[in-house]
Amino acid sequence: MADEKLMDQDSEEMTVTLTLDDGSELECVVLTIFEAGERDYIALLPMEGAEAEEGEVYLYRYLEDEDGNPSLDNIEDDDEYEIVADAFDELLDDQEYDELVGEDEV
């Protein structure tokens, strides 16, 4: 499971530093937090390295404790991952449509 340090509030972009299983750290931009099924998930885009160049997006469960402190959890189940990936793809499609159809055209 990846550990995280969540969200540098002072910068324009929200970022997360993931600590990967091998102990390396990966700085990611928070693309969005979205709901799929009855849970919240977060989509992260690495800022450097091969993953960033390829546009690889990481999806995690997004949780907040009673004090509002965020945490991430791995998606272990393939079926759950498919549901989350489909929801994220649909979200992207909706955003692209909104950008293509400007407000003056509505």
C-alpha atoms as a PDB file:
ATOM      1  CA  MET A   1       0.000   0.000   0.000  1.00  0.00           C
ATOM      2  CA  ALA A   2       1.255   3.468  -0.824  1.00  0.00           C
ATOM      3  CA  ASP A   3       1.524   6.008   1.967  1.00  0.00           C
ATOM      4  CA  GLU A   4       0.771   9.600   1.199  1.00  0.00           C
ATOM      5  CA  LYS A   5       1.349  13.131   2.331  1.00  0.00           C
ATOM      6  CA  LEU A   6      -1.688  14.979   1.129  1.00  0.00           C
ATOM      7  CA  MET A   7      -2.165  18.314  -0.435  1.00  0.00           C
ATOM      8  CA  ASP A   8       0.116  21.263  -0.312  1.00  0.00           C
ATOM      9  CA  GLN A   9      -2.565  23.891   0.260  1.00  0.00           C
ATOM     10  CA  ASP A  10      -0.310  26.861  -0.574  1.00  0.00           C
ATOM     11  CA  SER A  11       0.313  25.975  -4.208  1.00  0.00           C
ATOM     12  CA  GLU A  12      -2.172  26.423  -7.035  1.00  0.00           C
ATOM     13  CA  GLU A  13      -2.295  22.690  -7.676  1.00  0.00           C
ATOM     14  CA  MET A  14      -3.100  20.187  -4.973  1.00  0.00           C
ATOM     15  CA  THR A  15      -0.357  17.599  -4.779  1.00  0.00           C
ATOM     16  CA  VAL A  16       0.203  14.276  -3.062  1.00  0.00           C
ATOM     17  CA  THR A  17       3.535  12.634  -2.304  1.00  0.00           C
ATOM     18  CA  LEU A  18       3.126   8.868  -2.555  1.00  0.00           C
ATOM     19  CA  THR A  19       5.588   6.562  -0.832  1.00  0.00           C
ATOM     20  CA  LEU A  20       5.669   3.471  -3.034  1.00  0.00           C
ATOM     21  CA  ASP A  21       6.234  -0.118  -1.927  1.00  0.00           C
ATOM     22  CA  ASP A  22       9.934   0.114  -2.821  1.00  0.00           C
ATOM     23  CA  GLY A  23      10.373   3.152  -0.541  1.00  0.00           C
ATOM     24  CA  SER A  24      10.680   5.677  -3.378  1.00  0.00           C
ATOM     25  CA  GLU A  25       8.553   8.813  -3.372  1.00  0.00           C
ATOM     26  CA  LEU A  26       6.453  10.051  -6.272  1.00  0.00           C
ATOM     27  CA  GLU A  27       4.998  13.556  -6.414  1.00  0.00           C
ATOM     28  CA  CYS A  28       1.561  13.630  -8.058  1.00  0.00           C
ATOM     29  CA  VAL A  29      -0.988  16.282  -8.994  1.00  0.00           C
ATOM     30  CA  VAL A  30      -4.529  15.672  -7.793  1.00  0.00           C
ATOM     31  CA  LEU A  31      -6.682  15.563 -10.929  1.00  0.00           C
ATOM     32  CA  THR A  32      -9.993  15.041  -9.189  1.00  0.00           C
ATOM     33  CA  ILE A  33     -11.813  13.391  -6.331  1.00  0.00           C
ATOM     34  CA  PHE A  34     -14.917  11.596  -7.570  1.00  0.00           C
ATOM     35  CA  GLU A  35     -17.562   9.107  -6.517  1.00  0.00           C
ATOM     36  CA  ALA A  36     -18.013   5.646  -7.988  1.00  0.00           C
ATOM     37  CA  GLY A  37     -20.499   3.263  -6.481  1.00  0.00           C
ATOM     38  CA  GLU A  38     -20.852   4.388  -2.903  1.00  0.00           C
ATOM     39  CA  ARG A  39     -17.206   5.346  -2.292  1.00  0.00           C
ATOM     40  CA  ASP A  40     -14.949   8.295  -3.050  1.00  0.00           C
ATOM     41  CA  TYR A  41     -11.845   7.901  -5.180  1.00  0.00           C
ATOM     42  CA  ILE A  42      -8.951  10.123  -6.177  1.00  0.00           C
ATOM     43  CA  ALA A  43      -7.150  10.357  -9.521  1.00  0.00           C
ATOM     44  CA  LEU A  44      -3.454  11.278  -9.383  1.00  0.00           C
ATOM     45  CA  LEU A  45      -1.080  12.190 -12.207  1.00  0.00           C
ATOM     46  CA  PRO A  46       2.669  11.819 -11.555  1.00  0.00           C
ATOM     47  CA  MET A  47       4.632  15.030 -12.081  1.00  0.00           C
ATOM     48  CA  GLU A  48       7.938  13.420 -13.162  1.00  0.00           C
ATOM     49  CA  GLY A  49       9.349  10.240 -14.656  1.00  0.00           C
ATOM     50  CA  ALA A  50       8.141   7.754 -17.219  1.00  0.00           C
ATOM     51  CA  GLU A  51       4.642   7.639 -15.689  1.00  0.00           C
ATOM     52  CA  ALA A  52       4.242  11.391 -16.205  1.00  0.00           C
ATOM     53  CA  GLU A  53       5.463  11.224 -19.797  1.00  0.00           C
ATOM     54  CA  GLU A  54       3.008   8.422 -20.568  1.00  0.00           C
ATOM     55  CA  GLY A  55       0.141  10.242 -18.829  1.00  0.00           C
ATOM     56  CA  GLU A  56      -0.420   7.309 -16.470  1.00  0.00           C
ATOM     57  CA  VAL A  57      -3.100   8.079 -13.889  1.00  0.00           C
ATOM     58  CA  TYR A  58      -3.179   6.402 -10.477  1.00  0.00           C
ATOM     59  CA  LEU A  59      -6.555   5.668  -8.893  1.00  0.00           C
ATOM     60  CA  TYR A  60      -6.981   5.165  -5.124  1.00  0.00           C
ATOM     61  CA  ARG A  61      -9.805   5.016  -2.628  1.00  0.00           C
ATOM     62  CA  TYR A  62     -10.135   8.402  -0.930  1.00  0.00           C
ATOM     63  CA  LEU A  63     -11.171   8.522   2.716  1.00  0.00           C
ATOM     64  CA  GLU A  64     -11.464  11.197   5.383  1.00  0.00           C
ATOM     65  CA  ASP A  65     -11.499  10.550   9.126  1.00  0.00           C
ATOM     66  CA  GLU A  66     -13.891  12.285  11.533  1.00  0.00           C
ATOM     67  CA  ASP A  67     -11.475  15.247  11.759  1.00  0.00           C
ATOM     68  CA  GLY A  68     -11.423  15.680   7.969  1.00  0.00           C
ATOM     69  CA  ASN A  69      -7.899  14.297   7.550  1.00  0.00           C
ATOM     70  CA  PRO A  70      -7.601  12.627   4.128  1.00  0.00           C
ATOM     71  CA  SER A  71      -6.035   9.240   3.441  1.00  0.00           C
ATOM     72  CA  LEU A  72      -5.661   6.921   0.464  1.00  0.00           C
ATOM     73  CA  ASP A  73      -6.132   3.192   0.189  1.00  0.00           C
ATOM     74  CA  ASN A  74      -5.246   0.802  -2.615  1.00  0.00           C
ATOM     75  CA  ILE A  75      -7.969  -0.706  -4.783  1.00  0.00           C
ATOM     76  CA  GLU A  76      -7.310  -4.440  -4.389  1.00  0.00           C
ATOM     77  CA  ASP A  77     -10.259  -5.911  -6.298  1.00  0.00           C
ATOM     78  CA  ASP A  78     -10.176  -6.064 -10.124  1.00  0.00           C
ATOM     79  CA  ASP A  79     -13.949  -5.601 -10.409  1.00  0.00           C
ATOM     80  CA  GLU A  80     -13.840  -2.519  -8.179  1.00  0.00           C
ATOM     81  CA  TYR A  81     -10.938  -1.125 -10.208  1.00  0.00           C
ATOM     82  CA  GLU A  82     -12.902  -1.572 -13.456  1.00  0.00           C
ATOM     83  CA  ILE A  83     -15.872   0.312 -11.997  1.00  0.00           C
ATOM     84  CA  VAL A  84     -13.606   3.141 -10.818  1.00  0.00           C
ATOM     85  CA  ALA A  85     -11.676   3.319 -14.117  1.00  0.00           C
ATOM     86  CA  ASP A  86     -14.942   3.428 -16.097  1.00  0.00           C
ATOM     87  CA  ALA A  87     -16.296   6.202 -13.844  1.00  0.00           C
ATOM     88  CA  PHE A  88     -13.077   8.195 -14.292  1.00  0.00           C
ATOM     89  CA  ASP A  89     -13.182   7.725 -18.084  1.00  0.00           C
ATOM     90  CA  GLU A  90     -16.798   8.899 -18.138  1.00  0.00           C
ATOM     91  CA  LEU A  91     -15.838  11.940 -16.069  1.00  0.00           C
ATOM     92  CA  LEU A  92     -13.084  12.770 -18.574  1.00  0.00           C
ATOM     93  CA  ASP A  93     -15.474  12.349 -21.496  1.00  0.00           C
ATOM     94  CA  ASP A  94     -17.968  14.717 -19.838  1.00  0.00           C
ATOM     95  CA  GLN A  95     -15.260  17.335 -19.233  1.00  0.00           C
ATOM     96  CA  GLU A  96     -14.038  17.111 -22.821  1.00  0.00           C
ATOM     97  CA  TYR A  97     -17.608  17.541 -24.066  1.00  0.00           C
ATOM     98  CA  ASP A  98     -18.078  20.580 -21.823  1.00  0.00           C
ATOM     99  CA  GLU A  99     -14.873  22.096 -23.237  1.00  0.00           C
ATOM    100  CA  LEU A 100     -15.927  21.393 -26.837  1.00  0.00           C
ATOM    101  CA  VAL A 101     -19.368  22.906 -26.376  1.00  0.00           C
ATOM    102  CA  GLY A 102     -18.722  26.399 -25.065  1.00  0.00           C
ATOM    103  CA  GLU A 103     -21.287  28.160 -22.923  1.00  0.00           C
ATOM    104  CA  ASP A 104     -22.137  30.547 -25.793  1.00  0.00           C
ATOM    105  CA  GLU A 105     -23.198  27.537 -27.885  1.00  0.00           C
ATOM    106  CA  VAL A 106     -25.623  26.146 -25.307  1.00  0.00           C
END
